[in-house]
Amino acid sequence: MAIADSSDPIPSSSTSLDSTCEPHAADSASVERARAHLLSPAAADGVAETFKLLGDPTRVRLLDVLGDGERCVCDLAAIVGISESAVSHQLRVLRVARLVRVRRTGRQAFYALDDHHVMSVLHDVRRHVEEGLRR
């Protein structure tokens, strides 16, 4: 499935897409119920920003590893196969976004997922992707 990006042209009002729904045919009660459940602009921005962060394969792999439990930077670097510096950079981005949290013991820092919602999102998207790969 192709995902439109912001550079894709927006259909004009003269396209056939608009001619299928006449103004008087709209179910106003249904439209109002949908509006009541619509994400606020601020929430939509937050969701989009989270998906942008998850758009980086390294970050996704780090979160996947952290799904099994807390890890230090050196272990994460060894598991994912990138430098400790690169891991630290990515963890900083994830921490600012509240996707991971840090626990310090002396000079050592241990990272974990901030909450179970992070893994729920990853598992759902992973299942979706893997289903598509099997087709």
C-alpha atoms as a PDB file:
ATOM      1  CA  MET A   1       0.000   0.000   0.000  1.00  0.00           C
ATOM      2  CA  ALA A   2       1.457   3.338  -0.995  1.00  0.00           C
ATOM      3  CA  ILE A   3       1.364   6.098   1.564  1.00  0.00           C
ATOM      4  CA  ALA A   4       0.852   9.626   0.323  1.00  0.00           C
ATOM      5  CA  ASP A   5       3.403  12.134   1.450  1.00  0.00           C
ATOM      6  CA  SER A   6       3.036  15.851   1.805  1.00  0.00           C
ATOM      7  CA  SER A   7       4.393  16.402  -1.716  1.00  0.00           C
ATOM      8  CA  ASP A   8       1.561  14.399  -3.310  1.00  0.00           C
ATOM      9  CA  PRO A   9      -0.943  16.631  -5.093  1.00  0.00           C
ATOM     10  CA  ILE A  10      -4.275  17.014  -3.317  1.00  0.00           C
ATOM     11  CA  PRO A  11      -7.243  16.194  -5.563  1.00  0.00           C
ATOM     12  CA  SER A  12      -9.050  19.326  -6.691  1.00  0.00           C
ATOM     13  CA  SER A  13     -12.735  19.801  -5.999  1.00  0.00           C
ATOM     14  CA  SER A  14     -13.466  19.108  -9.674  1.00  0.00           C
ATOM     15  CA  THR A  15     -12.295  15.463  -9.509  1.00  0.00           C
ATOM     16  CA  SER A  16     -14.715  12.559  -9.571  1.00  0.00           C
ATOM     17  CA  LEU A  17     -13.907  11.833  -5.920  1.00  0.00           C
ATOM     18  CA  ASP A  18     -16.055  14.758  -4.798  1.00  0.00           C
ATOM     19  CA  SER A  19     -18.988  13.978  -7.063  1.00  0.00           C
ATOM     20  CA  THR A  20     -19.901  10.765  -5.181  1.00  0.00           C
ATOM     21  CA  CYS A  21     -21.178  12.533  -2.046  1.00  0.00           C
ATOM     22  CA  GLU A  22     -23.782  15.219  -2.453  1.00  0.00           C
ATOM     23  CA  PRO A  23     -24.165  17.673   0.445  1.00  0.00           C
ATOM     24  CA  HIS A  24     -27.791  16.714   1.138  1.00  0.00           C
ATOM     25  CA  ALA A  25     -26.929  12.993   1.233  1.00  0.00           C
ATOM     26  CA  ALA A  26     -24.647  13.244   4.295  1.00  0.00           C
ATOM     27  CA  ASP A  27     -25.905  11.536   7.449  1.00  0.00           C
ATOM     28  CA  SER A  28     -25.555  14.478   9.836  1.00  0.00           C
ATOM     29  CA  ALA A  29     -25.885  12.355  13.000  1.00  0.00           C
ATOM     30  CA  SER A  30     -23.161  10.012  11.788  1.00  0.00           C
ATOM     31  CA  VAL A  31     -20.943  12.941  10.814  1.00  0.00           C
ATOM     32  CA  GLU A  32     -21.382  14.535  14.247  1.00  0.00           C
ATOM     33  CA  ARG A  33     -20.560  11.231  16.036  1.00  0.00           C
ATOM     34  CA  ALA A  34     -17.410  10.914  13.927  1.00  0.00           C
ATOM     35  CA  ARG A  35     -16.439  14.511  14.706  1.00  0.00           C
ATOM     36  CA  ALA A  36     -16.892  13.861  18.433  1.00  0.00           C
ATOM     37  CA  HIS A  37     -14.340  11.024  18.253  1.00  0.00           C
ATOM     38  CA  LEU A  38     -11.910  12.762  15.911  1.00  0.00           C
ATOM     39  CA  LEU A  39      -8.412  13.336  17.256  1.00  0.00           C
ATOM     40  CA  SER A  40      -7.737  16.894  18.296  1.00  0.00           C
ATOM     41  CA  PRO A  41      -5.135  18.690  16.189  1.00  0.00           C
ATOM     42  CA  ALA A  42      -2.648  18.469  19.102  1.00  0.00           C
ATOM     43  CA  ALA A  43      -3.234  14.718  19.547  1.00  0.00           C
ATOM     44  CA  ALA A  44      -2.945  14.128  15.791  1.00  0.00           C
ATOM     45  CA  ASP A  45       0.369  16.023  15.796  1.00  0.00           C
ATOM     46  CA  GLY A  46       1.632  13.866  18.675  1.00  0.00           C
ATOM     47  CA  VAL A  47       0.627  10.622  16.974  1.00  0.00           C
ATOM     48  CA  ALA A  48       2.243  11.719  13.709  1.00  0.00           C
ATOM     49  CA  GLU A  49       5.439  12.725  15.534  1.00  0.00           C
ATOM     50  CA  THR A  50       5.585   9.323  17.262  1.00  0.00           C
ATOM     51  CA  PHE A  51       5.232   7.555  13.927  1.00  0.00           C
ATOM     52  CA  LYS A  52       8.011   9.741  12.517  1.00  0.00           C
ATOM     53  CA  LEU A  53      10.257   8.573  15.354  1.00  0.00           C
ATOM     54  CA  LEU A  54       9.277   4.967  14.636  1.00  0.00           C
ATOM     55  CA  GLY A  55      10.152   5.564  10.978  1.00  0.00           C
ATOM     56  CA  ASP A  56      13.818   4.895  11.772  1.00  0.00           C
ATOM     57  CA  PRO A  57      14.743   1.158  11.607  1.00  0.00           C
ATOM     58  CA  THR A  58      17.478   1.535  14.243  1.00  0.00           C
ATOM     59  CA  ARG A  59      15.033   3.034  16.725  1.00  0.00           C
ATOM     60  CA  VAL A  60      12.513   0.288  16.008  1.00  0.00           C
ATOM     61  CA  ARG A  61      15.170  -2.375  16.604  1.00  0.00           C
ATOM     62  CA  LEU A  62      16.243  -0.733  19.878  1.00  0.00           C
ATOM     63  CA  LEU A  63      12.649  -0.645  21.080  1.00  0.00           C
ATOM     64  CA  ASP A  64      12.216  -4.271  20.034  1.00  0.00           C
ATOM     65  CA  VAL A  65      15.214  -5.298  22.162  1.00  0.00           C
ATOM     66  CA  LEU A  66      13.945  -3.241  25.087  1.00  0.00           C
ATOM     67  CA  GLY A  67      10.648  -5.103  24.822  1.00  0.00           C
ATOM     68  CA  ASP A  68      12.466  -8.029  26.458  1.00  0.00           C
ATOM     69  CA  GLY A  69      13.592  -5.878  29.387  1.00  0.00           C
ATOM     70  CA  GLU A  70      15.997  -3.259  30.595  1.00  0.00           C
ATOM     71  CA  ARG A  71      19.433  -3.017  28.935  1.00  0.00           C
ATOM     72  CA  CYS A  72      22.554  -0.907  29.191  1.00  0.00           C
ATOM     73  CA  VAL A  73      23.965   0.987  26.200  1.00  0.00           C
ATOM     74  CA  CYS A  74      26.825  -1.505  25.689  1.00  0.00           C
ATOM     75  CA  ASP A  75      24.426  -4.451  25.484  1.00  0.00           C
ATOM     76  CA  LEU A  76      22.144  -2.591  23.099  1.00  0.00           C
ATOM     77  CA  ALA A  77      25.095  -1.685  20.870  1.00  0.00           C
ATOM     78  CA  ALA A  78      26.256  -5.313  20.769  1.00  0.00           C
ATOM     79  CA  ILE A  79      22.789  -6.668  20.044  1.00  0.00           C
ATOM     80  CA  VAL A  80      21.829  -4.144  17.352  1.00  0.00           C
ATOM     81  CA  GLY A  81      25.321  -3.972  15.848  1.00  0.00           C
ATOM     82  CA  ILE A  82      25.993  -0.240  15.997  1.00  0.00           C
ATOM     83  CA  SER A  83      28.337   1.926  18.051  1.00  0.00           C
ATOM     84  CA  GLU A  84      27.579   2.888  21.643  1.00  0.00           C
ATOM     85  CA  SER A  85      27.627   6.517  20.526  1.00  0.00           C
ATOM     86  CA  ALA A  86      24.947   5.842  17.905  1.00  0.00           C
ATOM     87  CA  VAL A  87      22.858   3.924  20.448  1.00  0.00           C
ATOM     88  CA  SER A  88      23.158   6.775  22.953  1.00  0.00           C
ATOM     89  CA  HIS A  89      22.042   9.284  20.341  1.00  0.00           C
ATOM     90  CA  GLN A  90      18.984   7.234  19.389  1.00  0.00           C
ATOM     91  CA  LEU A  91      18.099   6.594  23.034  1.00  0.00           C
ATOM     92  CA  ARG A  92      18.256  10.320  23.744  1.00  0.00           C
ATOM     93  CA  VAL A  93      15.724  10.929  20.953  1.00  0.00           C
ATOM     94  CA  LEU A  94      13.475   8.140  22.267  1.00  0.00           C
ATOM     95  CA  ARG A  95      13.771   9.410  25.853  1.00  0.00           C
ATOM     96  CA  VAL A  96      12.767  12.956  24.900  1.00  0.00           C
ATOM     97  CA  ALA A  97       9.713  11.467  23.157  1.00  0.00           C
ATOM     98  CA  ARG A  98       8.927   9.477  26.336  1.00  0.00           C
ATOM     99  CA  LEU A  99       9.201   6.136  24.540  1.00  0.00           C
ATOM    100  CA  VAL A 100      12.028   4.950  26.813  1.00  0.00           C
ATOM    101  CA  ARG A 101      13.124   5.800  30.343  1.00  0.00           C
ATOM    102  CA  VAL A 102      16.532   5.650  31.976  1.00  0.00           C
ATOM    103  CA  ARG A 103      17.638   4.329  35.357  1.00  0.00           C
ATOM    104  CA  ARG A 104      21.113   5.247  36.539  1.00  0.00           C
ATOM    105  CA  THR A 105      23.261   3.136  38.819  1.00  0.00           C
ATOM    106  CA  GLY A 106      26.498   4.956  39.488  1.00  0.00           C
ATOM    107  CA  ARG A 107      27.986   5.731  36.096  1.00  0.00           C
ATOM    108  CA  GLN A 108      25.949   3.113  34.261  1.00  0.00           C
ATOM    109  CA  ALA A 109      22.604   3.849  32.611  1.00  0.00           C
ATOM    110  CA  PHE A 110      19.936   1.234  31.982  1.00  0.00           C
ATOM    111  CA  TYR A 111      17.161   1.852  29.499  1.00  0.00           C
ATOM    112  CA  ALA A 112      13.669   0.365  29.399  1.00  0.00           C
ATOM    113  CA  LEU A 113      10.438   1.031  27.560  1.00  0.00           C
ATOM    114  CA  ASP A 114       8.513   3.862  29.151  1.00  0.00           C
ATOM    115  CA  ASP A 115       5.279   1.845  29.260  1.00  0.00           C
ATOM    116  CA  HIS A 116       3.499  -1.129  27.716  1.00  0.00           C
ATOM    117  CA  HIS A 117       1.822   1.002  25.034  1.00  0.00           C
ATOM    118  CA  VAL A 118       5.093   1.254  23.129  1.00  0.00           C
ATOM    119  CA  MET A 119       5.310  -2.516  22.698  1.00  0.00           C
ATOM    120  CA  SER A 120       1.604  -2.763  21.854  1.00  0.00           C
ATOM    121  CA  VAL A 121       2.112  -0.391  18.934  1.00  0.00           C
ATOM    122  CA  LEU A 122       5.242  -2.241  17.769  1.00  0.00           C
ATOM    123  CA  HIS A 123       3.584  -5.674  18.028  1.00  0.00           C
ATOM    124  CA  ASP A 124       0.490  -4.536  16.117  1.00  0.00           C
ATOM    125  CA  VAL A 125       2.530  -2.961  13.324  1.00  0.00           C
ATOM    126  CA  ARG A 126       4.887  -5.972  13.221  1.00  0.00           C
ATOM    127  CA  ARG A 127       1.922  -8.358  12.799  1.00  0.00           C
ATOM    128  CA  HIS A 128       0.551  -6.139  10.042  1.00  0.00           C
ATOM    129  CA  VAL A 129       3.903  -6.097   8.198  1.00  0.00           C
ATOM    130  CA  GLU A 130       4.483  -9.836   8.617  1.00  0.00           C
ATOM    131  CA  GLU A 131       0.982 -10.619   7.298  1.00  0.00           C
ATOM    132  CA  GLY A 132       1.785  -8.578   4.193  1.00  0.00           C
ATOM    133  CA  LEU A 133       5.081 -10.426   3.718  1.00  0.00           C
ATOM    134  CA  ARG A 134       3.305 -13.803   3.744  1.00  0.00           C
ATOM    135  CA  ARG A 135       0.937 -12.818   0.920  1.00  0.00           C
END
